[in-house]
Amino acid sequence: MIKLFKMKSFKAFSLLLSAGLTFYSCSKPQENGKEESGKIDRYALVSRHNVVLDKPDTLASLSVGNGEFAYTVDVSGLQTFPEYYEKGVSLGTQSQWGWHAFPNPDNYQWEEILRYDTSAIGQVISFPVQWKEGRKKEVTDYFRTSPHRLHLGIIGLEIIKADGSRAEVDDLENIHQELDLWNGKITSEYTVEGQPVKVELYGHQEKDGIAAKISSPLVASGQLKVKFRFPYGSGCHVCPGYDWTQPDKHTSYVEVTRPSQVRVSRTLDSTKYVTDISWEGNGAFETTAKHTFLLNAQEGQETLAFTALFSKQGEDQLPDFEATAKSSTEGWEEFWLSGGVIDFSECTDERAEELERRVVLSQYLTKVNCAGSLPPQETGLTMNSWYGKFHMEMHWWHAAHYGLWNRIELMEKSLPWYFSSLEKAKATAARQGFEGARWQKMTDPYGDESPSSVASYLIWQQPHILYFVEQLYQDRQDQATLEKYKEIVFETADFMASFAKDSKGDGKYHLIAPLIPAQELFPAKSTDDPPFELAYWHYGLNVALDWQKRLGMEENPQWREVLDNLAPLAIKDSLYLPSSTHPRAYEDDFYLHDHPVVLGAYGILPKTEMIDTVIMKNTLEKILKIWNWDSTWGWDYPMMAMNAARLNMPETALEALFMGKEKNTYLPNGHNYQDKRLRIYLPGNGGLLTTVAMMAAGWEGAPDRANPGFPDDGTWNVKWEGLRKMP
């Protein structure tokens, strides 16, 4: 059970959590040694939020990584106690390329799970949904769980006590663990039966692997070794992603590739990959059980340094510990010294220090988990959620902030997925009777759509790619960007225009059932004209027409016709309704749950002629009074803050960011906690970064003053560099 408490000072964690979750104060600012030529000492800013732990905390696991690969550790400094951490922030070793599918001996076919719905205009549309009984349920379960993201292997310590038993987590004493954000290093120091242990860990920034150095008298006595364990893939919904119960379904073959180096070749059904392991000095690598190996140093040698790289093909020459440390230090220093930065140290509002902590740690976490070649899953590369698959409607929350923080190249890394999945998106649109490309919602590296009775009906992921490429164009203003992405833009707009229908005989184009809006509790067969989606259609079609103009092309008449005649946002009692077909939604408690996403129509999105700011302000104030906040998600709070900022309500924006609700909790490691099922949620981190950048640098139509999203009362002396204004 998690309990929430208000605190008078944000020098401690703003939301204390019981049942094992403790806030640990950030380390003291280090002396300036990395100061940029600008006004802000970035090194001091980042370093004062290093994460420091002094006891085991299953919700405070720490990660190293590079956007393509991440490795998450417990208080030992490696993955020594994975079972202990399973119900917290579990200990993942995951990559963008590491996926596994279960065998399909019964020849399940994806088409078996299609359900056919009929729209108000008689259009028959097929959707892959979740069936509950018989073979269709088996097919549903197969395609939801396969493929799933694969846990590549547990690398931990085996520590033997004086009586011959293995040390457990409670045997670690005098703990001091620190994540040095500036160089991506995790240092873990503790004692076991009075004997000191020090583990230094880095993640390589160009390769998918780690290097660690373990120093202890226990290494010399043979009581401390490095243990490697390799699991089978797991089809669980939210979990670490490993399965230890089926050792006969996969193989781990070891070969010596050169002195002090081995290769573990892995085969799991159709998935193959290798783990290359090297060590410094004399040592031995031995098999102790199926899929389990130990690396130990020569007797009398108190230090054991090793490297482990994961890949599909393997590498002959591995970087040693020092080379990996250099890669991490240089890569992270380059990250922190580039792009935008926000400093709250001169603010006197008691919330400022905690806001700065969340912002700094969110930058680190999104770089590790969300800056890779695929759209990220909601728990990134730390642990699996929804079987490791990614949700395309969440891509905006993971990636839009990079443009505002002047790190747009990190967002662009994931855009090739849209090209590789384009043909499947076009096939979906054609199968349903639409033009263009209908982007998948819950999907995988191959662009296959997972069956879902909710996800298949969502549409708000469609314009995201238009938002992203417009960010790119505004950043570069070049012909090359237009040429590179024009096909994606045009196919997306074709679908959007064909999806909107003049269905009511009023000369307006409506977004009609079957659909489910971003507030997912609305029924698919009776929901029309959700306001955020209408506003996003307006934004997206405008972008597509702008791209045609920039390319010297004639306007697409269908896009123009739909844009100029989009249905207005439904209004009742001077409030924007969440759907035109649910006029009593604010009077029915059922509809006061989940995302209050009507606010995103003017918050995520800029103001257009569709938005009346007086009505939007009424809507915000109404929602703040009546909403069931326990049902919300982590990105709802930054969304509300963006809406309030655009409405010139800066104190309300801050109150939204600090609303004392469970799903607005930020853990000691910076992760956005949701509940016991979903312990981390990176859309909250990304949304926070977008919102804070917007509040500082402003937005299109913002008040002409410094930091227009913050109160102009003298308590928010926010300093920043290198941020971009939001549209």
Foldseek 3Di string as FASTA:
>chain_A
DFDFDADPFPQWFGGATDDQFGFDGFDQFDDQDQQDPDDDRLNRLLRSLKFKDFAWGLQQWDWAFFQFWIFTDTLQQFPAPQVVNWLHLGTATFGQPAKDADDDPVPQDQVVQWDWDAFLVGFIFIARAADDDDVNNVSQLRLLQPIFTARFKGKDKFAADPVGDTDDRVQWHRWIWIQRLLQRKIWIWTDGPNKIKIKIKHAFNPFRKIKIKIFTVSLQAVRMWMKIAGFAADSDAWTQGGDHPCLPQKAWDWDALDPQKIKTWIDHPPATKIKIKGKPAAWDWADDDTRMIIIGHHRRDRMIMMMIGIGRPDDNDDDTNVVRSVRRNVVSNVVSVDFKDKDFPQFQPSCSVVLSSLQSLLSSVLSRFQQAQAGFAQSGRSGHHSSRWHFLLLSCLSQVLCLQRVNLNSSVSNVVLCVQQQVVQQVSQVSSPFFFGQQEGTDGSNRDHRHHPQRRQERNSLLPVLSSLVSVCVVPVDPVSLVVCLSVLVSSLRRLLRQFPPSPVPLATKNTAQHAYQQRPDHRRQFIHFPLSLLSLLVSLVSNQVSCVVVVHDGDVSSVSNNVRHDAFDDDPLAGDRTNRCPCLLVDLSNLAEAPCSLLSPQVDPDDPSDDLSSSVVHLVSNVPRHPVLRYALLNLLSSLSSCLSSQNLVSSVCSQVVRYQQSGQGSSSFRQNDSRGGGGSSNSSSSSNSQSCQQQHAVPAPPDGSSNHDPPRSRPMDMPNGDHHD
